[in-house]
Amino acid sequence: MALIPPFFLDCVVAIGTRPRRRAKAKWSASGFLYGQFISAEGDQKTYSIYLVTNRHVFARAKTVVLRFNPKGSEPAREFDERLRQPSGEPKWLAHPDPKIDIAVLPIIPAALDANGI
């Protein structure tokens, strides 16, 4: 039996939708956080953070609810996220081949830190 380090679970994100504003989220998918190393200065490392999931999860949605595990023992935190820029362009990226069911959504690391995620 393989053991998964507990901190790996902090990288798992639940993805859902809300039928109406302030309604309970309906959870339908999951994704994981991926950090791409950018640079290091002393002990400080900088990463670009992405939520990786399936293309079909974002394809028809205008907004999603993301549930993150906090750093401490508090309950998970939910955030509503619009999937389009004000210009109408998608915030997320997908593989150019539509048969490949993968998508990534950039996440702002400072926002995660500020919310104890």
Protein backbone atom coordinates (compact mmCIF):
# COMPACT_ATOMS: atom_id res chain seq x y z
CA MET A 1 0.00 0.00 0.00
CA ALA A 2 1.39 3.39 -0.99
CA LEU A 3 1.20 6.20 1.50
CA ILE A 4 0.29 9.65 0.26
CA PRO A 5 1.86 12.47 2.28
CA PRO A 6 -0.93 14.44 4.04
CA PHE A 7 0.14 17.78 2.49
CA PHE A 8 -0.66 16.38 -0.98
CA LEU A 9 -4.35 16.61 -0.03
CA ASP A 10 -3.92 20.37 0.34
CA CYS A 11 -3.40 20.50 -3.42
CA VAL A 12 -6.81 18.96 -4.19
CA VAL A 13 -9.56 21.43 -5.11
CA ALA A 14 -13.28 20.64 -5.31
CA ILE A 15 -15.07 22.30 -8.25
CA GLY A 16 -18.78 22.94 -8.41
CA THR A 17 -21.51 25.33 -9.52
CA ARG A 18 -24.29 27.28 -7.82
CA PRO A 19 -27.77 27.09 -9.30
CA ARG A 20 -28.41 30.62 -7.97
CA ARG A 21 -26.48 33.23 -6.06
CA ARG A 22 -25.86 32.27 -2.42
CA ALA A 23 -27.26 28.77 -2.98
CA LYS A 24 -25.29 25.77 -1.77
CA ALA A 25 -22.70 24.62 -4.26
CA LYS A 26 -23.27 21.42 -6.20
CA TRP A 27 -19.90 19.63 -6.33
CA SER A 28 -19.26 17.88 -9.62
CA ALA A 29 -15.52 17.78 -10.27
CA SER A 30 -12.08 18.08 -8.78
CA GLY A 31 -8.72 19.40 -9.78
CA PHE A 32 -5.30 19.88 -8.30
CA LEU A 33 -2.92 22.79 -7.82
CA TYR A 34 0.30 22.78 -9.80
CA GLY A 35 3.16 25.17 -9.09
CA GLN A 36 5.57 26.04 -11.89
CA PHE A 37 8.89 27.23 -10.48
CA ILE A 38 9.78 30.75 -11.67
CA SER A 39 12.75 31.93 -9.61
CA ALA A 40 14.55 31.85 -6.28
CA GLU A 41 16.10 34.63 -4.27
CA GLY A 42 17.73 33.32 -1.12
CA ASP A 43 15.15 31.19 0.70
CA GLN A 44 12.26 32.84 -1.17
CA LYS A 45 10.93 30.85 -4.15
CA THR A 46 8.42 32.15 -6.67
CA TYR A 47 5.91 29.94 -8.49
CA SER A 48 3.10 30.41 -10.97
CA ILE A 49 0.11 28.48 -9.62
CA TYR A 50 -2.47 26.73 -11.79
CA LEU A 51 -5.61 24.73 -11.12
CA VAL A 52 -5.54 21.68 -13.40
CA THR A 53 -8.81 19.91 -14.26
CA ASN A 54 -10.71 18.58 -17.26
CA ARG A 55 -11.73 20.82 -20.16
CA HIS A 56 -15.36 19.68 -19.94
CA VAL A 57 -15.56 21.05 -16.37
CA PHE A 58 -15.04 24.63 -17.63
CA ALA A 59 -16.36 24.34 -21.20
CA ARG A 60 -19.98 25.34 -20.60
CA ALA A 61 -19.69 27.12 -17.25
CA LYS A 62 -19.65 30.88 -16.78
CA THR A 63 -18.63 30.64 -13.13
CA VAL A 64 -17.50 27.87 -10.81
CA VAL A 65 -17.13 27.44 -7.08
CA LEU A 66 -13.66 26.39 -5.90
CA ARG A 67 -13.22 24.78 -2.48
CA PHE A 68 -9.69 24.90 -1.09
CA ASN A 69 -8.23 23.24 1.98
CA PRO A 70 -6.78 25.83 4.41
CA LYS A 71 -3.30 25.65 5.93
CA GLY A 72 -4.67 25.17 9.45
CA SER A 73 -7.46 23.06 10.88
CA GLU A 74 -10.25 25.42 9.79
CA PRO A 75 -13.00 24.18 7.48
CA ALA A 76 -12.49 24.29 3.72
CA ARG A 77 -13.04 27.70 2.07
CA GLU A 78 -15.24 28.31 -0.98
CA PHE A 79 -14.67 30.96 -3.64
CA ASP A 80 -16.82 31.85 -6.63
CA GLU A 81 -14.66 32.29 -9.74
CA ARG A 82 -15.73 33.78 -13.05
CA LEU A 83 -14.25 31.89 -15.97
CA ARG A 84 -14.21 34.83 -18.40
CA GLN A 85 -12.33 38.11 -18.51
CA PRO A 86 -14.41 41.32 -18.79
CA SER A 87 -13.55 41.23 -22.52
CA GLY A 88 -15.30 37.86 -22.82
CA GLU A 89 -12.08 35.88 -23.33
CA PRO A 90 -11.75 32.73 -21.19
CA LYS A 91 -9.47 32.98 -18.14
CA TRP A 92 -8.59 29.32 -18.54
CA LEU A 93 -6.48 27.55 -21.14
CA ALA A 94 -7.02 24.19 -22.79
CA HIS A 95 -5.01 21.92 -25.03
CA PRO A 96 -5.38 22.94 -28.72
CA ASP A 97 -6.68 19.46 -29.57
CA PRO A 98 -10.32 19.38 -28.37
CA LYS A 99 -10.09 15.61 -27.90
CA ILE A 100 -7.59 16.15 -25.06
CA ASP A 101 -9.74 16.82 -22.00
CA ILE A 102 -7.44 19.03 -19.91
CA ALA A 103 -7.67 22.65 -18.81
CA VAL A 104 -5.70 24.99 -16.55
CA LEU A 105 -6.84 28.09 -14.69
CA PRO A 106 -4.20 30.51 -13.40
CA ILE A 107 -4.49 31.13 -9.65
CA ILE A 108 -3.02 34.18 -7.90
CA PRO A 109 -0.67 32.85 -5.19
CA ALA A 110 -1.02 36.02 -3.07
CA ALA A 111 -4.80 35.46 -2.94
CA LEU A 112 -4.26 31.94 -1.60
CA ASP A 113 -1.80 33.22 1.01
CA ALA A 114 -4.09 36.08 2.06
CA ASN A 115 -6.91 33.58 2.66
CA GLY A 116 -4.79 31.05 4.55
CA ILE A 117 -4.87 28.52 1.73
